[in-house]
Amino acid sequence: MDCGAEDGLMTQPIENTRRQAEADTRRVVEGIVCLVLFALTIPAANWLIGNVGTMCAPNGACLIPVAPGLMAPSGVTMIGIALVLRDLVQRRLGVGVAAGAIVVGAGLSALVAPPALVLASASAFLISELADLAVYTPLARKRLVTAVVASSFVGLVVDSIIFLSLAFGSLDFLAGQVVGKGWMVLLSIPFVHYLRHRDERLGMTPA
C-alpha cells in the first residue's frame, strides 16, 4: 500500500473527530448565548409593558398597535422572541436544559412582574413554554422551521389566554396579543431557516 494513502487513511478519523469537537463547542456556545437572551426577554417584556407604547394607562399597561384596529401590551414583542429562543436553547443544549430554563424563567417572571401581575405573568410563562416544548420536541429533528413556528404559535396562544384571564379576567386583548407575538415568530423564520442549513453545512447536530 502506498505510504501516502495509508497516512491519509490514518489522519481522516482524527480530522473528523476534530471537526466534530469544533461543531460541538460551537453548539454549546451558541446555546449559552440563546439561554442568556431567553432570560433577558423576561425583564425586558415587563419593562416594556410599563414604559413603552403609543398609549400608556396610568399605573397600567402600555399598548402598541400590532395591526389596523388592534392594540396589545408592548411586552408581546419579547414574549414572541422568548418562545423562539426557548426552541433554540433546546436544539443547542438539550431538552433538560430547556425545561430547567422554563422553570427559572417562570421564577424570574414572578420576580420582575408588577405585584398585581405576578401570578398571571409566572403562570402564563410556565404553562405556555411547557406547551411550546411539548409541540417542538417531536417535530424538531426533521422539520426545524415547522417545529419552531408550530410550537411558538401554540405557546403564544396559551400564554395570551392564561395571562389575560388571570390578570384582567377578560380576553378583550386576545386578538392583539396573538397577532403581536405572531409577528415576532414570523420574523424569526428566515433566521431559523438559515440556522438549519448552516448546521447541516457545519455538521452540527442537535443536542
N, C-alpha and C. Protein backbone atom coordinates (compact mmCIF):
# COMPACT_ATOMS: atom_id res chain seq x y z
N MET A 1 0.85 -1.19 0.00
CA MET A 1 0.00 0.00 0.00
C MET A 1 0.88 1.24 0.00
N ASP A 2 0.46 2.24 -0.75
CA ASP A 2 1.20 3.50 -0.81
C ASP A 2 1.21 4.16 0.57
N CYS A 3 2.41 4.60 0.99
CA CYS A 3 2.55 5.19 2.32
C CYS A 3 1.69 6.44 2.49
N GLY A 4 1.63 7.25 1.40
CA GLY A 4 0.82 8.48 1.47
C GLY A 4 -0.64 8.17 1.65
N ALA A 5 -1.13 7.15 0.94
CA ALA A 5 -2.53 6.77 1.08
C ALA A 5 -2.81 6.24 2.47
N GLU A 6 -1.84 5.46 3.01
CA GLU A 6 -2.01 4.91 4.35
C GLU A 6 -2.07 6.01 5.39
N ASP A 7 -1.19 7.03 5.24
CA ASP A 7 -1.21 8.15 6.18
C ASP A 7 -2.54 8.89 6.10
N GLY A 8 -3.06 9.03 4.87
CA GLY A 8 -4.35 9.71 4.71
C GLY A 8 -5.46 8.97 5.42
N LEU A 9 -5.45 7.63 5.33
CA LEU A 9 -6.47 6.84 6.00
C LEU A 9 -6.38 6.98 7.51
N MET A 10 -5.17 7.12 8.02
CA MET A 10 -4.97 7.24 9.46
C MET A 10 -5.39 8.61 9.98
N THR A 11 -5.14 9.65 9.19
CA THR A 11 -5.43 11.00 9.66
C THR A 11 -6.90 11.40 9.49
N GLN A 12 -7.62 10.71 8.61
CA GLN A 12 -9.01 11.08 8.36
C GLN A 12 -9.89 11.00 9.59
N PRO A 13 -9.81 9.88 10.36
CA PRO A 13 -10.62 9.83 11.58
C PRO A 13 -10.27 10.93 12.57
N ILE A 14 -8.98 11.28 12.64
CA ILE A 14 -8.55 12.35 13.55
C ILE A 14 -9.15 13.67 13.12
N GLU A 15 -9.15 13.92 11.81
CA GLU A 15 -9.70 15.17 11.28
C GLU A 15 -11.21 15.22 11.53
N ASN A 16 -11.89 14.10 11.35
CA ASN A 16 -13.33 14.06 11.59
C ASN A 16 -13.65 14.32 13.06
N THR A 17 -12.82 13.76 13.93
CA THR A 17 -13.03 13.97 15.36
C THR A 17 -12.82 15.43 15.73
N ARG A 18 -11.80 16.05 15.14
CA ARG A 18 -11.52 17.47 15.41
C ARG A 18 -12.68 18.34 14.95
N ARG A 19 -13.19 18.07 13.76
CA ARG A 19 -14.30 18.86 13.24
C ARG A 19 -15.55 18.70 14.10
N GLN A 20 -15.81 17.47 14.55
CA GLN A 20 -16.97 17.24 15.39
C GLN A 20 -16.83 17.95 16.73
N ALA A 21 -15.61 17.95 17.27
CA ALA A 21 -15.37 18.65 18.54
C ALA A 21 -15.60 20.16 18.37
N GLU A 22 -15.14 20.71 17.25
CA GLU A 22 -15.36 22.13 16.99
C GLU A 22 -16.84 22.44 16.85
N ALA A 23 -17.57 21.56 16.15
CA ALA A 23 -19.01 21.76 15.98
C ALA A 23 -19.73 21.69 17.32
N ASP A 24 -19.33 20.75 18.17
CA ASP A 24 -19.95 20.62 19.49
C ASP A 24 -19.68 21.84 20.35
N THR A 25 -18.45 22.36 20.28
CA THR A 25 -18.12 23.57 21.04
C THR A 25 -18.95 24.75 20.57
N ARG A 26 -19.07 24.90 19.26
CA ARG A 26 -19.87 25.99 18.70
C ARG A 26 -21.34 25.85 19.14
N ARG A 27 -21.84 24.62 19.12
CA ARG A 27 -23.23 24.38 19.51
C ARG A 27 -23.47 24.81 20.95
N VAL A 28 -22.55 24.46 21.85
CA VAL A 28 -22.71 24.80 23.26
C VAL A 28 -22.62 26.32 23.47
N VAL A 29 -21.66 26.96 22.82
CA VAL A 29 -21.51 28.41 22.96
C VAL A 29 -22.76 29.13 22.47
N GLU A 30 -23.25 28.72 21.30
CA GLU A 30 -24.46 29.35 20.77
C GLU A 30 -25.66 29.08 21.67
N GLY A 31 -25.70 27.88 22.26
CA GLY A 31 -26.78 27.56 23.19
C GLY A 31 -26.77 28.45 24.41
N ILE A 32 -25.58 28.72 24.93
CA ILE A 32 -25.46 29.60 26.11
C ILE A 32 -25.90 31.02 25.75
N VAL A 33 -25.53 31.49 24.56
CA VAL A 33 -25.96 32.81 24.12
C VAL A 33 -27.49 32.87 24.04
N CYS A 34 -28.10 31.85 23.44
CA CYS A 34 -29.57 31.81 23.35
C CYS A 34 -30.20 31.76 24.74
N LEU A 35 -29.57 31.04 25.65
CA LEU A 35 -30.09 30.92 27.01
C LEU A 35 -30.08 32.27 27.72
N VAL A 36 -28.97 33.01 27.57
CA VAL A 36 -28.86 34.34 28.20
C VAL A 36 -29.90 35.29 27.60
N LEU A 37 -30.04 35.27 26.27
CA LEU A 37 -31.02 36.13 25.61
C LEU A 37 -32.44 35.76 26.03
N PHE A 38 -32.69 34.46 26.16
CA PHE A 38 -34.00 33.99 26.63
C PHE A 38 -34.31 34.57 28.00
N ALA A 39 -33.35 34.52 28.91
CA ALA A 39 -33.55 35.05 30.26
C ALA A 39 -33.79 36.56 30.22
N LEU A 40 -33.09 37.26 29.33
CA LEU A 40 -33.22 38.72 29.26
C LEU A 40 -34.58 39.15 28.71
N THR A 41 -35.23 38.30 27.91
CA THR A 41 -36.54 38.70 27.37
C THR A 41 -37.57 38.88 28.47
N ILE A 42 -37.38 38.22 29.59
CA ILE A 42 -38.39 38.25 30.66
C ILE A 42 -38.44 39.63 31.33
N PRO A 43 -37.31 40.14 31.88
CA PRO A 43 -37.37 41.50 32.42
C PRO A 43 -37.63 42.54 31.34
N ALA A 44 -37.16 42.28 30.11
CA ALA A 44 -37.41 43.23 29.02
C ALA A 44 -38.90 43.36 28.75
N ALA A 45 -39.62 42.24 28.74
CA ALA A 45 -41.06 42.28 28.49
C ALA A 45 -41.78 43.06 29.58
N ASN A 46 -41.39 42.83 30.82
CA ASN A 46 -42.03 43.54 31.93
C ASN A 46 -41.70 45.03 31.92
N TRP A 47 -40.48 45.38 31.51
CA TRP A 47 -40.12 46.81 31.41
C TRP A 47 -40.89 47.48 30.28
N LEU A 48 -40.97 46.82 29.14
CA LEU A 48 -41.69 47.40 28.00
C LEU A 48 -43.16 47.65 28.33
N ILE A 49 -43.78 46.68 28.99
CA ILE A 49 -45.21 46.78 29.25
C ILE A 49 -45.55 47.96 30.17
N GLY A 50 -44.56 48.39 30.95
CA GLY A 50 -44.80 49.50 31.85
C GLY A 50 -44.25 50.83 31.39
N ASN A 51 -43.45 50.82 30.30
CA ASN A 51 -42.76 52.06 29.93
C ASN A 51 -42.82 52.46 28.46
N VAL A 52 -43.12 51.55 27.56
CA VAL A 52 -43.02 51.86 26.13
C VAL A 52 -44.34 51.54 25.43
N GLY A 53 -44.88 52.53 24.73
CA GLY A 53 -46.10 52.30 23.97
C GLY A 53 -46.63 53.60 23.40
N THR A 54 -47.53 53.47 22.47
CA THR A 54 -48.18 54.67 21.93
C THR A 54 -49.28 55.16 22.86
N MET A 55 -49.75 54.27 23.73
CA MET A 55 -50.74 54.62 24.76
C MET A 55 -50.33 53.95 26.06
N CYS A 56 -50.26 54.72 27.15
CA CYS A 56 -49.91 54.16 28.45
C CYS A 56 -50.94 54.60 29.49
N ALA A 57 -51.65 53.63 30.06
CA ALA A 57 -52.62 53.95 31.10
C ALA A 57 -51.89 54.25 32.40
N PRO A 58 -52.40 55.20 33.19
CA PRO A 58 -51.78 55.48 34.49
C PRO A 58 -51.74 54.21 35.36
N ASN A 59 -50.55 53.85 35.80
CA ASN A 59 -50.34 52.63 36.60
C ASN A 59 -50.86 51.38 35.89
N GLY A 60 -50.84 51.41 34.57
CA GLY A 60 -51.32 50.26 33.81
C GLY A 60 -50.38 49.93 32.67
N ALA A 61 -50.88 49.14 31.74
CA ALA A 61 -50.04 48.66 30.64
C ALA A 61 -49.92 49.70 29.54
N CYS A 62 -48.76 49.69 28.89
CA CYS A 62 -48.55 50.49 27.69
C CYS A 62 -48.90 49.63 26.47
N LEU A 63 -49.60 50.22 25.53
CA LEU A 63 -50.08 49.49 24.36
C LEU A 63 -49.39 49.96 23.09
N ILE A 64 -49.28 49.04 22.13
CA ILE A 64 -48.75 49.37 20.81
C ILE A 64 -49.70 48.81 19.76
N PRO A 65 -49.76 49.45 18.58
CA PRO A 65 -50.59 48.89 17.51
C PRO A 65 -49.87 47.70 16.87
N VAL A 66 -50.59 46.60 16.67
CA VAL A 66 -50.00 45.42 16.05
C VAL A 66 -50.65 45.10 14.70
N ALA A 67 -51.75 45.75 14.43
CA ALA A 67 -52.46 45.61 13.15
C ALA A 67 -53.52 46.71 13.14
N PRO A 68 -54.07 47.03 11.99
CA PRO A 68 -55.13 48.06 11.95
C PRO A 68 -56.27 47.73 12.90
N GLY A 69 -56.48 48.62 13.86
CA GLY A 69 -57.56 48.42 14.81
C GLY A 69 -57.25 47.49 15.95
N LEU A 70 -56.02 46.98 16.02
CA LEU A 70 -55.65 46.04 17.09
C LEU A 70 -54.51 46.62 17.92
N MET A 71 -54.70 46.62 19.23
CA MET A 71 -53.66 47.06 20.15
C MET A 71 -53.30 45.90 21.07
N ALA A 72 -52.07 45.93 21.59
CA ALA A 72 -51.62 44.90 22.52
C ALA A 72 -50.58 45.49 23.45
N PRO A 73 -50.45 44.95 24.66
CA PRO A 73 -49.36 45.39 25.55
C PRO A 73 -48.01 45.23 24.86
N SER A 74 -47.14 46.20 25.04
CA SER A 74 -45.87 46.22 24.30
C SER A 74 -44.97 45.05 24.62
N GLY A 75 -45.17 44.41 25.76
CA GLY A 75 -44.34 43.25 26.12
C GLY A 75 -44.53 42.06 25.20
N VAL A 76 -45.58 42.07 24.36
CA VAL A 76 -45.82 40.92 23.48
C VAL A 76 -44.65 40.67 22.53
N THR A 77 -43.92 41.71 22.19
CA THR A 77 -42.80 41.54 21.26
C THR A 77 -41.74 40.62 21.87
N MET A 78 -41.46 40.81 23.15
CA MET A 78 -40.46 39.98 23.81
C MET A 78 -40.93 38.55 24.02
N ILE A 79 -42.23 38.37 24.28
CA ILE A 79 -42.75 37.02 24.51
C ILE A 79 -42.65 36.19 23.24
N GLY A 80 -42.95 36.80 22.10
CA GLY A 80 -42.80 36.09 20.83
C GLY A 80 -41.36 35.65 20.60
N ILE A 81 -40.41 36.53 20.91
CA ILE A 81 -39.00 36.19 20.75
C ILE A 81 -38.59 35.10 21.75
N ALA A 82 -39.12 35.17 22.97
CA ALA A 82 -38.77 34.19 24.01
C ALA A 82 -39.15 32.77 23.58
N LEU A 83 -40.30 32.63 22.94
CA LEU A 83 -40.74 31.31 22.51
C LEU A 83 -39.78 30.72 21.49
N VAL A 84 -39.31 31.55 20.56
CA VAL A 84 -38.35 31.07 19.55
C VAL A 84 -37.01 30.74 20.20
N LEU A 85 -36.55 31.60 21.11
CA LEU A 85 -35.27 31.36 21.77
C LEU A 85 -35.30 30.08 22.60
N ARG A 86 -36.43 29.78 23.24
CA ARG A 86 -36.51 28.55 24.01
C ARG A 86 -36.30 27.33 23.12
N ASP A 87 -36.88 27.38 21.92
CA ASP A 87 -36.69 26.28 20.97
C ASP A 87 -35.21 26.14 20.60
N LEU A 88 -34.54 27.26 20.40
CA LEU A 88 -33.13 27.21 20.02
C LEU A 88 -32.26 26.74 21.18
N VAL A 89 -32.63 27.10 22.41
CA VAL A 89 -31.92 26.57 23.58
C VAL A 89 -32.02 25.05 23.60
N GLN A 90 -33.20 24.53 23.33
CA GLN A 90 -33.37 23.08 23.33
C GLN A 90 -32.55 22.44 22.22
N ARG A 91 -32.51 23.05 21.04
CA ARG A 91 -31.76 22.49 19.92
C ARG A 91 -30.27 22.46 20.23
N ARG A 92 -29.79 23.48 20.93
CA ARG A 92 -28.36 23.59 21.20
C ARG A 92 -27.92 22.86 22.47
N LEU A 93 -28.74 22.89 23.53
CA LEU A 93 -28.30 22.38 24.83
C LEU A 93 -29.12 21.20 25.33
N GLY A 94 -30.21 20.87 24.67
CA GLY A 94 -30.98 19.70 25.06
C GLY A 94 -32.25 20.03 25.81
N VAL A 95 -33.14 19.05 25.87
CA VAL A 95 -34.45 19.26 26.47
C VAL A 95 -34.35 19.48 27.97
N GLY A 96 -33.37 18.87 28.64
CA GLY A 96 -33.22 19.06 30.07
C GLY A 96 -32.91 20.49 30.44
N VAL A 97 -31.96 21.09 29.71
CA VAL A 97 -31.61 22.49 29.95
C VAL A 97 -32.80 23.39 29.62
N ALA A 98 -33.50 23.08 28.52
CA ALA A 98 -34.65 23.89 28.13
C ALA A 98 -35.74 23.85 29.19
N ALA A 99 -35.99 22.67 29.75
CA ALA A 99 -37.00 22.55 30.80
C ALA A 99 -36.58 23.33 32.05
N GLY A 100 -35.29 23.23 32.39
CA GLY A 100 -34.79 23.99 33.53
C GLY A 100 -34.89 25.48 33.30
N ALA A 101 -34.63 25.91 32.06
CA ALA A 101 -34.72 27.33 31.73
C ALA A 101 -36.16 27.83 31.87
N ILE A 102 -37.13 26.98 31.56
CA ILE A 102 -38.53 27.37 31.70
C ILE A 102 -38.87 27.63 33.17
N VAL A 103 -38.43 26.73 34.05
CA VAL A 103 -38.71 26.88 35.48
C VAL A 103 -38.04 28.15 36.03
N VAL A 104 -36.77 28.34 35.67
CA VAL A 104 -36.07 29.55 36.11
C VAL A 104 -36.72 30.80 35.53
N GLY A 105 -37.12 30.71 34.26
CA GLY A 105 -37.77 31.84 33.62
C GLY A 105 -39.08 32.21 34.29
N ALA A 106 -39.85 31.22 34.71
CA ALA A 106 -41.10 31.50 35.43
C ALA A 106 -40.81 32.21 36.75
N GLY A 107 -39.74 31.78 37.43
CA GLY A 107 -39.35 32.46 38.66
C GLY A 107 -38.93 33.90 38.41
N LEU A 108 -38.14 34.12 37.36
CA LEU A 108 -37.74 35.48 37.01
C LEU A 108 -38.95 36.34 36.65
N SER A 109 -39.88 35.73 35.93
CA SER A 109 -41.08 36.45 35.54
C SER A 109 -41.86 36.92 36.77
N ALA A 110 -41.94 36.05 37.77
CA ALA A 110 -42.63 36.43 39.00
C ALA A 110 -41.88 37.54 39.74
N LEU A 111 -40.55 37.49 39.71
CA LEU A 111 -39.74 38.48 40.44
C LEU A 111 -39.83 39.87 39.83
N VAL A 112 -39.86 39.95 38.50
CA VAL A 112 -39.79 41.26 37.86
C VAL A 112 -41.16 41.80 37.45
N ALA A 113 -42.20 41.00 37.55
CA ALA A 113 -43.54 41.47 37.18
C ALA A 113 -44.06 42.46 38.21
N PRO A 114 -44.92 43.40 37.79
CA PRO A 114 -45.60 44.25 38.76
C PRO A 114 -46.37 43.38 39.75
N PRO A 115 -46.48 43.80 41.02
CA PRO A 115 -47.10 42.95 42.05
C PRO A 115 -48.47 42.39 41.65
N ALA A 116 -49.27 43.20 40.97
CA ALA A 116 -50.61 42.76 40.60
C ALA A 116 -50.61 41.69 39.52
N LEU A 117 -49.46 41.54 38.84
CA LEU A 117 -49.40 40.63 37.70
C LEU A 117 -48.49 39.43 37.93
N VAL A 118 -48.01 39.25 39.17
CA VAL A 118 -47.04 38.17 39.45
C VAL A 118 -47.62 36.81 39.09
N LEU A 119 -48.80 36.49 39.60
CA LEU A 119 -49.40 35.18 39.35
C LEU A 119 -49.68 34.99 37.86
N ALA A 120 -50.25 36.00 37.23
CA ALA A 120 -50.59 35.89 35.81
C ALA A 120 -49.34 35.74 34.96
N SER A 121 -48.32 36.52 35.26
CA SER A 121 -47.10 36.51 34.47
C SER A 121 -46.37 35.18 34.60
N ALA A 122 -46.18 34.71 35.83
CA ALA A 122 -45.43 33.47 36.05
C ALA A 122 -46.20 32.26 35.52
N SER A 123 -47.50 32.21 35.77
CA SER A 123 -48.31 31.07 35.33
C SER A 123 -48.35 31.00 33.80
N ALA A 124 -48.58 32.15 33.16
CA ALA A 124 -48.65 32.17 31.70
C ALA A 124 -47.32 31.76 31.09
N PHE A 125 -46.24 32.25 31.67
CA PHE A 125 -44.91 31.90 31.14
C PHE A 125 -44.65 30.41 31.27
N LEU A 126 -44.88 29.87 32.46
CA LEU A 126 -44.58 28.46 32.72
C LEU A 126 -45.40 27.54 31.82
N ILE A 127 -46.70 27.74 31.76
CA ILE A 127 -47.56 26.82 31.02
C ILE A 127 -47.36 26.96 29.52
N SER A 128 -47.20 28.20 29.04
CA SER A 128 -47.03 28.38 27.60
C SER A 128 -45.70 27.82 27.11
N GLU A 129 -44.65 27.97 27.90
CA GLU A 129 -43.35 27.44 27.49
C GLU A 129 -43.34 25.91 27.53
N LEU A 130 -44.05 25.32 28.48
CA LEU A 130 -44.16 23.86 28.51
C LEU A 130 -44.96 23.35 27.31
N ALA A 131 -46.00 24.09 26.92
CA ALA A 131 -46.76 23.73 25.73
C ALA A 131 -45.87 23.83 24.49
N ASP A 132 -45.06 24.88 24.45
CA ASP A 132 -44.11 25.07 23.35
C ASP A 132 -43.15 23.87 23.26
N LEU A 133 -42.62 23.47 24.41
CA LEU A 133 -41.69 22.34 24.46
C LEU A 133 -42.37 21.05 23.98
N ALA A 134 -43.61 20.83 24.41
CA ALA A 134 -44.31 19.60 24.05
C ALA A 134 -44.56 19.49 22.54
N VAL A 135 -44.81 20.61 21.90
CA VAL A 135 -45.05 20.59 20.45
C VAL A 135 -43.73 20.54 19.69
N TYR A 136 -42.74 21.28 20.15
CA TYR A 136 -41.46 21.37 19.44
C TYR A 136 -40.70 20.05 19.43
N THR A 137 -40.67 19.36 20.57
CA THR A 137 -39.80 18.19 20.73
C THR A 137 -40.00 17.11 19.67
N PRO A 138 -41.23 16.66 19.38
CA PRO A 138 -41.37 15.59 18.39
C PRO A 138 -41.15 16.03 16.95
N LEU A 139 -41.19 17.34 16.69
CA LEU A 139 -41.05 17.83 15.31
C LEU A 139 -39.64 18.25 14.95
N ALA A 140 -38.82 18.55 15.96
CA ALA A 140 -37.59 19.30 15.73
C ALA A 140 -36.53 18.56 14.93
N ARG A 141 -36.44 17.26 15.04
CA ARG A 141 -35.33 16.53 14.40
C ARG A 141 -35.33 16.67 12.88
N LYS A 142 -36.52 16.62 12.28
CA LYS A 142 -36.57 16.61 10.82
C LYS A 142 -37.14 17.89 10.23
N ARG A 143 -37.91 18.63 11.01
CA ARG A 143 -38.58 19.81 10.47
C ARG A 143 -38.39 20.99 11.42
N LEU A 144 -37.20 21.56 11.45
CA LEU A 144 -36.88 22.60 12.43
C LEU A 144 -37.78 23.81 12.27
N VAL A 145 -37.92 24.33 11.04
CA VAL A 145 -38.71 25.54 10.84
C VAL A 145 -40.16 25.28 11.24
N THR A 146 -40.71 24.16 10.80
CA THR A 146 -42.08 23.80 11.17
C THR A 146 -42.23 23.67 12.67
N ALA A 147 -41.24 23.05 13.32
CA ALA A 147 -41.28 22.86 14.76
C ALA A 147 -41.30 24.19 15.50
N VAL A 148 -40.43 25.11 15.09
CA VAL A 148 -40.35 26.42 15.75
C VAL A 148 -41.64 27.20 15.57
N VAL A 149 -42.15 27.23 14.35
CA VAL A 149 -43.36 28.01 14.07
C VAL A 149 -44.57 27.40 14.78
N ALA A 150 -44.76 26.09 14.64
CA ALA A 150 -45.93 25.44 15.25
C ALA A 150 -45.90 25.55 16.77
N SER A 151 -44.75 25.26 17.37
CA SER A 151 -44.67 25.29 18.83
C SER A 151 -44.82 26.71 19.37
N SER A 152 -44.24 27.67 18.66
CA SER A 152 -44.33 29.06 19.11
C SER A 152 -45.76 29.58 19.03
N PHE A 153 -46.47 29.22 17.98
CA PHE A 153 -47.86 29.68 17.87
C PHE A 153 -48.75 29.03 18.93
N VAL A 154 -48.52 27.76 19.22
CA VAL A 154 -49.27 27.13 20.31
C VAL A 154 -48.94 27.83 21.63
N GLY A 155 -47.65 28.06 21.87
CA GLY A 155 -47.23 28.72 23.10
C GLY A 155 -47.80 30.12 23.25
N LEU A 156 -47.81 30.89 22.17
CA LEU A 156 -48.27 32.28 22.29
C LEU A 156 -49.78 32.36 22.53
N VAL A 157 -50.53 31.43 21.94
CA VAL A 157 -51.98 31.42 22.20
C VAL A 157 -52.25 31.05 23.65
N VAL A 158 -51.56 30.01 24.15
CA VAL A 158 -51.73 29.60 25.54
C VAL A 158 -51.32 30.73 26.48
N ASP A 159 -50.18 31.35 26.21
CA ASP A 159 -49.69 32.46 27.04
C ASP A 159 -50.72 33.59 27.10
N SER A 160 -51.26 33.94 25.95
CA SER A 160 -52.20 35.06 25.89
C SER A 160 -53.47 34.78 26.66
N ILE A 161 -54.02 33.58 26.49
CA ILE A 161 -55.27 33.24 27.17
C ILE A 161 -55.08 33.21 28.68
N ILE A 162 -54.00 32.57 29.15
CA ILE A 162 -53.78 32.46 30.59
C ILE A 162 -53.49 33.82 31.20
N PHE A 163 -52.61 34.60 30.56
CA PHE A 163 -52.23 35.90 31.12
C PHE A 163 -53.44 36.83 31.21
N LEU A 164 -54.18 36.95 30.14
CA LEU A 164 -55.33 37.87 30.13
C LEU A 164 -56.41 37.40 31.10
N SER A 165 -56.63 36.10 31.18
CA SER A 165 -57.66 35.59 32.09
C SER A 165 -57.31 35.87 33.55
N LEU A 166 -56.04 35.61 33.92
CA LEU A 166 -55.63 35.80 35.31
C LEU A 166 -55.40 37.26 35.66
N ALA A 167 -54.87 38.04 34.73
CA ALA A 167 -54.52 39.43 35.03
C ALA A 167 -55.73 40.35 34.98
N PHE A 168 -56.60 40.12 34.00
CA PHE A 168 -57.68 41.08 33.78
C PHE A 168 -59.07 40.46 33.80
N GLY A 169 -59.15 39.12 33.86
CA GLY A 169 -60.46 38.48 33.85
C GLY A 169 -61.21 38.73 32.57
N SER A 170 -60.48 38.99 31.50
CA SER A 170 -61.10 39.32 30.22
C SER A 170 -60.17 38.93 29.10
N LEU A 171 -60.74 38.58 27.95
CA LEU A 171 -59.93 38.27 26.76
C LEU A 171 -60.05 39.36 25.71
N ASP A 172 -60.32 40.59 26.16
CA ASP A 172 -60.52 41.70 25.21
C ASP A 172 -59.30 41.93 24.32
N PHE A 173 -58.09 41.72 24.86
CA PHE A 173 -56.88 41.98 24.09
C PHE A 173 -56.32 40.71 23.46
N LEU A 174 -57.10 39.62 23.43
CA LEU A 174 -56.57 38.35 22.94
C LEU A 174 -56.09 38.44 21.50
N ALA A 175 -56.89 38.99 20.63
CA ALA A 175 -56.51 39.08 19.21
C ALA A 175 -55.22 39.88 19.05
N GLY A 176 -55.13 41.01 19.75
CA GLY A 176 -53.92 41.82 19.66
C GLY A 176 -52.70 41.11 20.19
N GLN A 177 -52.86 40.38 21.30
CA GLN A 177 -51.74 39.62 21.87
C GLN A 177 -51.25 38.56 20.89
N VAL A 178 -52.18 37.81 20.33
CA VAL A 178 -51.80 36.73 19.40
C VAL A 178 -51.12 37.30 18.16
N VAL A 179 -51.67 38.37 17.60
CA VAL A 179 -51.08 38.97 16.40
C VAL A 179 -49.71 39.56 16.70
N GLY A 180 -49.59 40.28 17.82
CA GLY A 180 -48.31 40.90 18.17
C GLY A 180 -47.20 39.88 18.36
N LYS A 181 -47.48 38.81 19.10
CA LYS A 181 -46.49 37.76 19.30
C LYS A 181 -46.23 37.00 18.00
N GLY A 182 -47.30 36.81 17.22
CA GLY A 182 -47.15 36.10 15.96
C GLY A 182 -46.23 36.81 14.98
N TRP A 183 -46.27 38.14 14.97
CA TRP A 183 -45.35 38.89 14.09
C TRP A 183 -43.90 38.56 14.41
N MET A 184 -43.57 38.47 15.69
CA MET A 184 -42.19 38.21 16.08
C MET A 184 -41.78 36.79 15.68
N VAL A 185 -42.70 35.83 15.79
CA VAL A 185 -42.39 34.46 15.37
C VAL A 185 -42.17 34.42 13.86
N LEU A 186 -43.03 35.08 13.09
CA LEU A 186 -42.89 35.07 11.63
C LEU A 186 -41.59 35.74 11.20
N LEU A 187 -41.21 36.81 11.89
CA LEU A 187 -39.96 37.49 11.55
C LEU A 187 -38.74 36.61 11.81
N SER A 188 -38.89 35.62 12.68
CA SER A 188 -37.76 34.75 13.01
C SER A 188 -37.54 33.65 11.97
N ILE A 189 -38.51 33.40 11.11
CA ILE A 189 -38.44 32.26 10.19
C ILE A 189 -37.20 32.30 9.29
N PRO A 190 -36.86 33.42 8.65
CA PRO A 190 -35.64 33.41 7.82
C PRO A 190 -34.39 33.04 8.61
N PHE A 191 -34.29 33.52 9.85
CA PHE A 191 -33.12 33.20 10.67
C PHE A 191 -33.08 31.71 11.02
N VAL A 192 -34.22 31.14 11.39
CA VAL A 192 -34.28 29.72 11.73
C VAL A 192 -33.96 28.87 10.51
N HIS A 193 -34.46 29.28 9.35
CA HIS A 193 -34.19 28.57 8.10
C HIS A 193 -32.69 28.58 7.79
N TYR A 194 -32.08 29.76 7.94
CA TYR A 194 -30.63 29.88 7.74
C TYR A 194 -29.87 29.00 8.73
N LEU A 195 -30.32 29.00 9.98
CA LEU A 195 -29.63 28.24 11.02
C LEU A 195 -29.65 26.74 10.71
N ARG A 196 -30.77 26.24 10.23
CA ARG A 196 -30.87 24.82 9.92
C ARG A 196 -29.88 24.43 8.83
N HIS A 197 -29.81 25.25 7.76
CA HIS A 197 -28.89 24.93 6.66
C HIS A 197 -27.43 25.10 7.09
N ARG A 198 -27.15 26.09 7.94
CA ARG A 198 -25.78 26.27 8.41
C ARG A 198 -25.35 25.11 9.29
N ASP A 199 -26.27 24.63 10.13
CA ASP A 199 -25.97 23.48 10.99
C ASP A 199 -25.60 22.27 10.14
N GLU A 200 -26.37 22.03 9.07
CA GLU A 200 -26.10 20.91 8.19
C GLU A 200 -24.73 21.06 7.52
N ARG A 201 -24.43 22.27 7.09
CA ARG A 201 -23.16 22.52 6.39
C ARG A 201 -21.96 22.29 7.32
N LEU A 202 -22.14 22.67 8.60
CA LEU A 202 -21.04 22.55 9.56
C LEU A 202 -21.02 21.19 10.26
N GLY A 203 -22.01 20.36 9.97
CA GLY A 203 -22.08 19.07 10.64
C GLY A 203 -22.47 19.18 12.10
N MET A 204 -23.24 20.21 12.43
CA MET A 204 -23.62 20.46 13.80
C MET A 204 -24.96 19.79 14.08
N THR A 205 -24.96 18.78 14.93
CA THR A 205 -26.18 18.03 15.22
C THR A 205 -26.86 18.59 16.46
N PRO A 206 -28.19 18.47 16.54
CA PRO A 206 -28.91 18.96 17.73
C PRO A 206 -28.47 18.19 18.97
N ALA A 207 -28.59 18.82 20.13
CA ALA A 207 -28.24 18.16 21.39
C ALA A 207 -29.19 17.02 21.67
